[in-house]
Amino acid sequence: SGKAIIVGVPGAFTPPCSSQVPGYIQHADEFKSKGVSDI
């Protein structure tokens, strides 16, 4: 329910995934301010 983001990644600890996912953590409050309840 509401607005959420589902992010699929090939594998934990792989270099591309480990560079992508921190952006979602760092910008979590900005996502929330745009109505995203959960990532």
PDB file of all heavy atoms in Angstrom:
ATOM      1  N   SER A   1       0.853  -1.191   0.000  1.00  0.00           N
ATOM      2  CA  SER A   1       0.000   0.000   0.000  1.00  0.00           C
ATOM      3  C   SER A   1       0.888   1.239   0.000  1.00  0.00           C
ATOM      4  O   SER A   1       2.011   1.214   0.483  1.00  0.00           O
ATOM      5  CB  SER A   1      -0.935  -0.008   1.202  1.00  0.00           C
ATOM      6  OG  SER A   1      -0.199  -0.018   2.388  1.00  0.00           O
ATOM      7  N   GLY A   2       0.359   2.313  -0.572  1.00  0.00           N
ATOM      8  CA  GLY A   2       1.136   3.540  -0.674  1.00  0.00           C
ATOM      9  C   GLY A   2       2.195   3.422  -1.751  1.00  0.00           C
ATOM     10  O   GLY A   2       2.090   2.607  -2.665  1.00  0.00           O
ATOM     11  N   LYS A   3       3.228   4.250  -1.622  1.00  0.00           N
ATOM     12  CA  LYS A   3       4.314   4.274  -2.608  1.00  0.00           C
ATOM     13  C   LYS A   3       5.560   3.630  -2.007  1.00  0.00           C
ATOM     14  O   LYS A   3       5.951   3.954  -0.879  1.00  0.00           O
ATOM     15  CB  LYS A   3       4.629   5.715  -3.025  1.00  0.00           C
ATOM     16  CG  LYS A   3       5.624   5.808  -4.171  1.00  0.00           C
ATOM     17  CD  LYS A   3       6.050   7.248  -4.470  1.00  0.00           C
ATOM     18  CE  LYS A   3       4.951   8.043  -5.104  1.00  0.00           C
ATOM     19  NZ  LYS A   3       5.414   9.394  -5.534  1.00  0.00           N
ATOM     20  N   ALA A   4       6.166   2.725  -2.765  1.00  0.00           N
ATOM     21  CA  ALA A   4       7.389   2.040  -2.329  1.00  0.00           C
ATOM     22  C   ALA A   4       8.297   1.847  -3.536  1.00  0.00           C
ATOM     23  O   ALA A   4       7.865   1.993  -4.683  1.00  0.00           O
ATOM     24  CB  ALA A   4       7.043   0.686  -1.706  1.00  0.00           C
ATOM     25  N   ILE A   5       9.533   1.515  -3.253  1.00  0.00           N
ATOM     26  CA  ILE A   5      10.492   1.204  -4.319  1.00  0.00           C
ATOM     27  C   ILE A   5      11.057  -0.179  -4.037  1.00  0.00           C
ATOM     28  O   ILE A   5      11.445  -0.486  -2.906  1.00  0.00           O
ATOM     29  CB  ILE A   5      11.610   2.249  -4.395  1.00  0.00           C
ATOM     30  CG1 ILE A   5      11.015   3.604  -4.754  1.00  0.00           C
ATOM     31  CG2 ILE A   5      12.669   1.836  -5.421  1.00  0.00           C
ATOM     32  CD1 ILE A   5      11.990   4.743  -4.765  1.00  0.00           C
ATOM     33  N   ILE A   6      11.070  -1.009  -5.077  1.00  0.00           N
ATOM     34  CA  ILE A   6      11.694  -2.332  -4.995  1.00  0.00           C
ATOM     35  C   ILE A   6      12.927  -2.271  -5.885  1.00  0.00           C
ATOM     36  O   ILE A   6      12.830  -1.958  -7.077  1.00  0.00           O
ATOM     37  CB  ILE A   6      10.748  -3.444  -5.483  1.00  0.00           C
ATOM     38  CG1 ILE A   6       9.459  -3.461  -4.653  1.00  0.00           C
ATOM     39  CG2 ILE A   6      11.456  -4.803  -5.423  1.00  0.00           C
ATOM     40  CD1 ILE A   6       8.382  -4.383  -5.207  1.00  0.00           C
ATOM     41  N   VAL A   7      14.087  -2.552  -5.293  1.00  0.00           N
ATOM     42  CA  VAL A   7      15.356  -2.521  -6.017  1.00  0.00           C
ATOM     43  C   VAL A   7      15.896  -3.937  -6.080  1.00  0.00           C
ATOM     44  O   VAL A   7      16.154  -4.550  -5.040  1.00  0.00           O
ATOM     45  CB  VAL A   7      16.383  -1.601  -5.320  1.00  0.00           C
ATOM     46  CG1 VAL A   7      17.702  -1.583  -6.065  1.00  0.00           C
ATOM     47  CG2 VAL A   7      15.826  -0.188  -5.157  1.00  0.00           C
ATOM     48  N   GLY A   8      16.052  -4.469  -7.272  1.00  0.00           N
ATOM     49  CA  GLY A   8      16.612  -5.804  -7.450  1.00  0.00           C
ATOM     50  C   GLY A   8      18.080  -5.690  -7.823  1.00  0.00           C
ATOM     51  O   GLY A   8      18.445  -4.869  -8.680  1.00  0.00           O
ATOM     52  N   VAL A   9      18.907  -6.502  -7.168  1.00  0.00           N
ATOM     53  CA  VAL A   9      20.350  -6.494  -7.439  1.00  0.00           C
ATOM     54  C   VAL A   9      20.843  -7.916  -7.688  1.00  0.00           C
ATOM     55  O   VAL A   9      20.329  -8.864  -7.098  1.00  0.00           O
ATOM     56  CB  VAL A   9      21.143  -5.839  -6.283  1.00  0.00           C
ATOM     57  CG1 VAL A   9      20.752  -4.376  -6.116  1.00  0.00           C
ATOM     58  CG2 VAL A   9      20.963  -6.580  -4.977  1.00  0.00           C
ATOM     59  N   PRO A  10      21.856  -8.074  -8.548  1.00  0.00           N
ATOM     60  CA  PRO A  10      22.383  -9.404  -8.847  1.00  0.00           C
ATOM     61  C   PRO A  10      23.021 -10.111  -7.656  1.00  0.00           C
ATOM     62  O   PRO A  10      22.876 -11.319  -7.515  1.00  0.00           O
ATOM     63  CB  PRO A  10      23.417  -9.154  -9.941  1.00  0.00           C
ATOM     64  CG  PRO A  10      22.980  -7.881 -10.589  1.00  0.00           C
ATOM     65  CD  PRO A  10      22.392  -7.069  -9.463  1.00  0.00           C
ATOM     66  N   GLY A  11      23.727  -9.371  -6.794  1.00  0.00           N
ATOM     67  CA  GLY A  11      24.371 -10.073  -5.698  1.00  0.00           C
ATOM     68  C   GLY A  11      24.954  -9.167  -4.638  1.00  0.00           C
ATOM     69  O   GLY A  11      25.645  -8.201  -4.955  1.00  0.00           O
ATOM     70  N   ALA A  12      24.664  -9.490  -3.382  1.00  0.00           N
ATOM     71  CA  ALA A  12      25.252  -8.771  -2.261  1.00  0.00           C
ATOM     72  C   ALA A  12      26.774  -8.854  -2.349  1.00  0.00           C
ATOM     73  O   ALA A  12      27.328  -9.851  -2.812  1.00  0.00           O
ATOM     74  CB  ALA A  12      24.777  -9.400  -0.952  1.00  0.00           C
ATOM     75  N   PHE A  13      27.416  -7.803  -1.940  1.00  0.00           N
ATOM     76  CA  PHE A  13      28.877  -7.688  -1.867  1.00  0.00           C
ATOM     77  C   PHE A  13      29.562  -7.552  -3.226  1.00  0.00           C
ATOM     78  O   PHE A  13      30.767  -7.403  -3.279  1.00  0.00           O
ATOM     79  CB  PHE A  13      29.522  -8.834  -1.066  1.00  0.00           C
ATOM     80  CG  PHE A  13      29.262  -8.755   0.408  1.00  0.00           C
ATOM     81  CD1 PHE A  13      28.342  -9.591   1.015  1.00  0.00           C
ATOM     82  CD2 PHE A  13      29.933  -7.841   1.201  1.00  0.00           C
ATOM     83  CE1 PHE A  13      28.095  -9.523   2.379  1.00  0.00           C
ATOM     84  CE2 PHE A  13      29.698  -7.757   2.561  1.00  0.00           C
ATOM     85  CZ  PHE A  13      28.772  -8.609   3.159  1.00  0.00           C
ATOM     86  N   THR A  14      28.826  -7.630  -4.333  1.00  0.00           N
ATOM     87  CA  THR A  14      29.477  -7.412  -5.627  1.00  0.00           C
ATOM     88  C   THR A  14      29.759  -5.915  -5.754  1.00  0.00           C
ATOM     89  O   THR A  14      29.007  -5.091  -5.214  1.00  0.00           O
ATOM     90  CB  THR A  14      28.609  -7.898  -6.807  1.00  0.00           C
ATOM     91  OG1 THR A  14      27.400  -7.148  -6.834  1.00  0.00           O
ATOM     92  CG2 THR A  14      28.311  -9.389  -6.700  1.00  0.00           C
ATOM     93  N   PRO A  15      30.832  -5.532  -6.453  1.00  0.00           N
ATOM     94  CA  PRO A  15      31.177  -4.104  -6.531  1.00  0.00           C
ATOM     95  C   PRO A  15      30.067  -3.202  -7.075  1.00  0.00           C
ATOM     96  O   PRO A  15      29.775  -2.169  -6.454  1.00  0.00           O
ATOM     97  CB  PRO A  15      32.427  -4.089  -7.413  1.00  0.00           C
ATOM     98  CG  PRO A  15      33.065  -5.427  -7.163  1.00  0.00           C
ATOM     99  CD  PRO A  15      31.883  -6.377  -7.020  1.00  0.00           C
ATOM    100  N   PRO A  16      29.393  -3.540  -8.194  1.00  0.00           N
ATOM    101  CA  PRO A  16      28.343  -2.627  -8.663  1.00  0.00           C
ATOM    102  C   PRO A  16      27.191  -2.489  -7.660  1.00  0.00           C
ATOM    103  O   PRO A  16      26.686  -1.388  -7.432  1.00  0.00           O
ATOM    104  CB  PRO A  16      27.852  -3.259  -9.966  1.00  0.00           C
ATOM    105  CG  PRO A  16      28.956  -4.144 -10.418  1.00  0.00           C
ATOM    106  CD  PRO A  16      29.608  -4.646  -9.159  1.00  0.00           C
ATOM    107  N   CYS A  17      26.779  -3.593  -7.056  1.00  0.00           N
ATOM    108  CA  CYS A  17      25.665  -3.547  -6.102  1.00  0.00           C
ATOM    109  C   CYS A  17      26.056  -2.758  -4.855  1.00  0.00           C
ATOM    110  O   CYS A  17      25.255  -1.991  -4.312  1.00  0.00           O
ATOM    111  CB  CYS A  17      25.229  -4.954  -5.711  1.00  0.00           C
ATOM    112  SG  CYS A  17      24.653  -5.930  -7.117  1.00  0.00           S
ATOM    113  N   SER A  18      27.295  -2.931  -4.425  1.00  0.00           N
ATOM    114  CA  SER A  18      27.772  -2.226  -3.242  1.00  0.00           C
ATOM    115  C   SER A  18      28.017  -0.753  -3.500  1.00  0.00           C
ATOM    116  O   SER A  18      28.177   0.022  -2.563  1.00  0.00           O
ATOM    117  CB  SER A  18      29.040  -2.899  -2.705  1.00  0.00           C
ATOM    118  OG  SER A  18      28.719  -4.202  -2.231  1.00  0.00           O
ATOM    119  N   SER A  19      28.040  -0.345  -4.776  1.00  0.00           N
ATOM    120  CA  SER A  19      28.125   1.084  -5.082  1.00  0.00           C
ATOM    121  C   SER A  19      26.735   1.671  -5.324  1.00  0.00           C
ATOM    122  O   SER A  19      26.520   2.863  -5.131  1.00  0.00           O
ATOM    123  CB  SER A  19      29.022   1.327  -6.300  1.00  0.00           C
ATOM    124  OG  SER A  19      28.411   0.860  -7.484  1.00  0.00           O
ATOM    125  N   GLN A  20      25.777   0.857  -5.717  1.00  0.00           N
ATOM    126  CA  GLN A  20      24.419   1.318  -6.008  1.00  0.00           C
ATOM    127  C   GLN A  20      23.587   1.517  -4.751  1.00  0.00           C
ATOM    128  O   GLN A  20      22.950   2.555  -4.571  1.00  0.00           O
ATOM    129  CB  GLN A  20      23.713   0.317  -6.927  1.00  0.00           C
ATOM    130  CG  GLN A  20      22.253   0.633  -7.171  1.00  0.00           C
ATOM    131  CD  GLN A  20      21.487  -0.514  -7.801  1.00  0.00           C
ATOM    132  OE1 GLN A  20      21.881  -1.666  -7.696  1.00  0.00           O
ATOM    133  NE2 GLN A  20      20.391  -0.189  -8.457  1.00  0.00           N
ATOM    134  N   VAL A  21      23.548   0.535  -3.894  1.00  0.00           N
ATOM    135  CA  VAL A  21      22.624   0.505  -2.759  1.00  0.00           C
ATOM    136  C   VAL A  21      22.867   1.620  -1.743  1.00  0.00           C
ATOM    137  O   VAL A  21      21.892   2.177  -1.213  1.00  0.00           O
ATOM    138  CB  VAL A  21      22.622  -0.896  -2.103  1.00  0.00           C
ATOM    139  CG1 VAL A  21      21.842  -0.905  -0.799  1.00  0.00           C
ATOM    140  CG2 VAL A  21      22.042  -1.912  -3.085  1.00  0.00           C
ATOM    141  N   PRO A  22      24.103   2.031  -1.461  1.00  0.00           N
ATOM    142  CA  PRO A  22      24.278   3.125  -0.503  1.00  0.00           C
ATOM    143  C   PRO A  22      23.525   4.405  -0.870  1.00  0.00           C
ATOM    144  O   PRO A  22      23.104   5.146   0.023  1.00  0.00           O
ATOM    145  CB  PRO A  22      25.797   3.351  -0.497  1.00  0.00           C
ATOM    146  CG  PRO A  22      26.352   1.995  -0.792  1.00  0.00           C
ATOM    147  CD  PRO A  22      25.397   1.439  -1.828  1.00  0.00           C
ATOM    148  N   GLY A  23      23.300   4.656  -2.142  1.00  0.00           N
ATOM    149  CA  GLY A  23      22.528   5.826  -2.542  1.00  0.00           C
ATOM    150  C   GLY A  23      21.110   5.791  -2.012  1.00  0.00           C
ATOM    151  O   GLY A  23      20.540   6.825  -1.630  1.00  0.00           O
ATOM    152  N   TYR A  24      20.520   4.607  -1.967  1.00  0.00           N
ATOM    153  CA  TYR A  24      19.168   4.473  -1.436  1.00  0.00           C
ATOM    154  C   TYR A  24      19.142   4.707   0.076  1.00  0.00           C
ATOM    155  O   TYR A  24      18.192   5.270   0.612  1.00  0.00           O
ATOM    156  CB  TYR A  24      18.570   3.109  -1.801  1.00  0.00           C
ATOM    157  CG  TYR A  24      18.193   3.042  -3.258  1.00  0.00           C
ATOM    158  CD1 TYR A  24      19.084   2.545  -4.210  1.00  0.00           C
ATOM    159  CD2 TYR A  24      16.966   3.526  -3.694  1.00  0.00           C
ATOM    160  CE1 TYR A  24      18.753   2.513  -5.561  1.00  0.00           C
ATOM    161  CE2 TYR A  24      16.622   3.495  -5.039  1.00  0.00           C
ATOM    162  CZ  TYR A  24      17.528   2.996  -5.967  1.00  0.00           C
ATOM    163  OH  TYR A  24      17.194   2.986  -7.308  1.00  0.00           O
ATOM    164  N   ILE A  25      20.208   4.303   0.752  1.00  0.00           N
ATOM    165  CA  ILE A  25      20.310   4.532   2.195  1.00  0.00           C
ATOM    166  C   ILE A  25      20.528   6.027   2.457  1.00  0.00           C
ATOM    167  O   ILE A  25      19.834   6.632   3.276  1.00  0.00           O
ATOM    168  CB  ILE A  25      21.467   3.701   2.796  1.00  0.00           C
ATOM    169  CG1 ILE A  25      21.190   2.199   2.630  1.00  0.00           C
ATOM    170  CG2 ILE A  25      21.680   4.060   4.265  1.00  0.00           C
ATOM    171  CD1 ILE A  25      22.396   1.308   2.876  1.00  0.00           C
ATOM    172  N   GLN A  26      21.467   6.629   1.740  1.00  0.00           N
ATOM    173  CA  GLN A  26      21.804   8.046   1.946  1.00  0.00           C
ATOM    174  C   GLN A  26      20.637   8.971   1.623  1.00  0.00           C
ATOM    175  O   GLN A  26      20.480  10.015   2.248  1.00  0.00           O
ATOM    176  CB  GLN A  26      23.017   8.423   1.093  1.00  0.00           C
ATOM    177  CG  GLN A  26      24.288   7.750   1.529  1.00  0.00           C
ATOM    178  CD  GLN A  26      25.384   7.814   0.465  1.00  0.00           C
ATOM    179  OE1 GLN A  26      25.181   8.298  -0.634  1.00  0.00           O
ATOM    180  NE2 GLN A  26      26.552   7.300   0.824  1.00  0.00           N
ATOM    181  N   HIS A  27      19.826   8.610   0.640  1.00  0.00           N
ATOM    182  CA  HIS A  27      18.716   9.472   0.213  1.00  0.00           C
ATOM    183  C   HIS A  27      17.359   9.019   0.762  1.00  0.00           C
ATOM    184  O   HIS A  27      16.321   9.476   0.271  1.00  0.00           O
ATOM    185  CB  HIS A  27      18.666   9.530  -1.321  1.00  0.00           C
ATOM    186  CG  HIS A  27      19.881  10.144  -1.933  1.00  0.00           C
ATOM    187  ND1 HIS A  27      20.207  11.471  -1.782  1.00  0.00           N
ATOM    188  CD2 HIS A  27      20.860   9.599  -2.693  1.00  0.00           C
ATOM    189  CE1 HIS A  27      21.327  11.729  -2.431  1.00  0.00           C
ATOM    190  NE2 HIS A  27      21.751  10.603  -2.982  1.00  0.00           N
ATOM    191  N   ALA A  28      17.363   8.153   1.762  1.00  0.00           N
ATOM    192  CA  ALA A  28      16.106   7.607   2.295  1.00  0.00           C
ATOM    193  C   ALA A  28      15.142   8.704   2.729  1.00  0.00           C
ATOM    194  O   ALA A  28      13.939   8.616   2.456  1.00  0.00           O
ATOM    195  CB  ALA A  28      16.391   6.649   3.453  1.00  0.00           C
ATOM    196  N   ASP A  29      15.630   9.745   3.386  1.00  0.00           N
ATOM    197  CA  ASP A  29      14.752  10.828   3.831  1.00  0.00           C
ATOM    198  C   ASP A  29      14.186  11.612   2.651  1.00  0.00           C
ATOM    199  O   ASP A  29      13.034  12.047   2.690  1.00  0.00           O
ATOM    200  CB  ASP A  29      15.482  11.769   4.789  1.00  0.00           C
ATOM    201  CG  ASP A  29      15.719  11.121   6.147  1.00  0.00           C
ATOM    202  OD1 ASP A  29      14.988  10.170   6.505  1.00  0.00           O
ATOM    203  OD2 ASP A  29      16.645  11.577   6.855  1.00  0.00           O
ATOM    204  N   GLU A  30      14.993  11.793   1.605  1.00  0.00           N
ATOM    205  CA  GLU A  30      14.501  12.495   0.414  1.00  0.00           C
ATOM    206  C   GLU A  30      13.416  11.672  -0.282  1.00  0.00           C
ATOM    207  O   GLU A  30      12.419  12.227  -0.756  1.00  0.00           O
ATOM    208  CB  GLU A  30      15.654  12.789  -0.553  1.00  0.00           C
ATOM    209  CG  GLU A  30      16.638  13.813  -0.013  1.00  0.00           C
ATOM    210  CD  GLU A  30      17.867  13.922  -0.888  1.00  0.00           C
ATOM    211  OE1 GLU A  30      17.745  14.435  -2.019  1.00  0.00           O
ATOM    212  OE2 GLU A  30      18.949  13.468  -0.433  1.00  0.00           O
ATOM    213  N   PHE A  31      13.615  10.354  -0.351  1.00  0.00           N
ATOM    214  CA  PHE A  31      12.577   9.485  -0.913  1.00  0.00           C
ATOM    215  C   PHE A  31      11.296   9.615  -0.078  1.00  0.00           C
ATOM    216  O   PHE A  31      10.200   9.732  -0.623  1.00  0.00           O
ATOM    217  CB  PHE A  31      13.029   8.023  -0.960  1.00  0.00           C
ATOM    218  CG  PHE A  31      13.894   7.693  -2.144  1.00  0.00           C
ATOM    219  CD1 PHE A  31      15.257   7.480  -1.996  1.00  0.00           C
ATOM    220  CD2 PHE A  31      13.359   7.575  -3.416  1.00  0.00           C
ATOM    221  CE1 PHE A  31      16.061   7.160  -3.086  1.00  0.00           C
ATOM    222  CE2 PHE A  31      14.142   7.259  -4.514  1.00  0.00           C
ATOM    223  CZ  PHE A  31      15.504   7.054  -4.346  1.00  0.00           C
ATOM    224  N   LYS A  32      11.464   9.621   1.245  1.00  0.00           N
ATOM    225  CA  LYS A  32      10.310   9.732   2.137  1.00  0.00           C
ATOM    226  C   LYS A  32       9.573  11.049   1.897  1.00  0.00           C
ATOM    227  O   LYS A  32       8.340  11.083   1.874  1.00  0.00           O
ATOM    228  CB  LYS A  32      10.766   9.628   3.595  1.00  0.00           C
ATOM    229  CG  LYS A  32       9.625   9.387   4.572  1.00  0.00           C
ATOM    230  CD  LYS A  32      10.134   9.182   5.977  1.00  0.00           C
ATOM    231  CE  LYS A  32      10.343   7.705   6.182  1.00  0.00           C
ATOM    232  NZ  LYS A  32      10.591   7.326   7.565  1.00  0.00           N
ATOM    233  N   SER A  33      10.323  12.134   1.679  1.00  0.00           N
ATOM    234  CA  SER A  33       9.684  13.438   1.449  1.00  0.00           C
ATOM    235  C   SER A  33       8.913  13.465   0.129  1.00  0.00           C
ATOM    236  O   SER A  33       8.052  14.315  -0.072  1.00  0.00           O
ATOM    237  CB  SER A  33      10.721  14.565   1.488  1.00  0.00           C
ATOM    238  OG  SER A  33      11.517  14.561   0.316  1.00  0.00           O
ATOM    239  N   LYS A  34       9.207  12.516  -0.762  1.00  0.00           N
ATOM    240  CA  LYS A  34       8.482  12.415  -2.035  1.00  0.00           C
ATOM    241  C   LYS A  34       7.392  11.342  -1.974  1.00  0.00           C
ATOM    242  O   LYS A  34       6.896  10.894  -2.997  1.00  0.00           O
ATOM    243  CB  LYS A  34       9.453  12.139  -3.174  1.00  0.00           C
ATOM    244  CG  LYS A  34      10.375  13.334  -3.426  1.00  0.00           C
ATOM    245  CD  LYS A  34      10.957  13.291  -4.800  1.00  0.00           C
ATOM    246  CE  LYS A  34      11.759  14.559  -5.032  1.00  0.00           C
ATOM    247  NZ  LYS A  34      11.742  14.933  -6.420  1.00  0.00           N
ATOM    248  N   GLY A  35       7.072  10.913  -0.752  1.00  0.00           N
ATOM    249  CA  GLY A  35       5.954   9.996  -0.562  1.00  0.00           C
ATOM    250  C   GLY A  35       6.298   8.518  -0.540  1.00  0.00           C
ATOM    251  O   GLY A  35       5.410   7.680  -0.438  1.00  0.00           O
ATOM    252  N   VAL A  36       7.581   8.176  -0.630  1.00  0.00           N
ATOM    253  CA  VAL A  36       7.989   6.764  -0.616  1.00  0.00           C
ATOM    254  C   VAL A  36       8.083   6.295   0.836  1.00  0.00           C
ATOM    255  O   VAL A  36       8.907   6.790   1.598  1.00  0.00           O
ATOM    256  CB  VAL A  36       9.352   6.570  -1.335  1.00  0.00           C
ATOM    257  CG1 VAL A  36       9.838   5.127  -1.181  1.00  0.00           C
ATOM    258  CG2 VAL A  36       9.249   6.965  -2.792  1.00  0.00           C
ATOM    259  N   SER A  37       7.217   5.364   1.199  1.00  0.00           N
ATOM    260  CA  SER A  37       7.207   4.891   2.581  1.00  0.00           C
ATOM    261  C   SER A  37       8.348   3.916   2.863  1.00  0.00           C
ATOM    262  O   SER A  37       8.958   3.974   3.930  1.00  0.00           O
ATOM    263  CB  SER A  37       5.868   4.244   2.921  1.00  0.00           C
ATOM    264  OG  SER A  37       5.616   3.148   2.072  1.00  0.00           O
ATOM    265  N   ASP A  38       8.630   3.020   1.906  1.00  0.00           N
ATOM    266  CA  ASP A  38       9.669   2.011   2.126  1.00  0.00           C
ATOM    267  C   ASP A  38      10.424   1.706   0.851  1.00  0.00           C
ATOM    268  O   ASP A  38       9.877   1.817  -0.255  1.00  0.00           O
ATOM    269  CB  ASP A  38       9.037   0.708   2.651  1.00  0.00           C
ATOM    270  CG  ASP A  38       8.504   0.864   4.056  1.00  0.00           C
ATOM    271  OD1 ASP A  38       9.316   0.908   4.991  1.00  0.00           O
ATOM    272  OD2 ASP A  38       7.271   0.950   4.207  1.00  0.00           O
ATOM    273  N   ILE A  39      11.683   1.309   1.034  1.00  0.00           N
ATOM    274  CA  ILE A  39      12.548   0.879  -0.062  1.00  0.00           C
ATOM    275  C   ILE A  39      12.973  -0.546   0.272  1.00  0.00           C
ATOM    276  O   ILE A  39      13.453  -0.820   1.376  1.00  0.00           O
ATOM    277  CB  ILE A  39      13.779   1.794  -0.194  1.00  0.00           C
ATOM    278  CG1 ILE A  39      13.341   3.232  -0.468  1.00  0.00           C
ATOM    279  CG2 ILE A  39      14.730   1.273  -1.279  1.00  0.00           C
ATOM    280  CD1 ILE A  39      14.446   4.270  -0.308  1.00  0.00           C
TER     281      ILE A  39
END
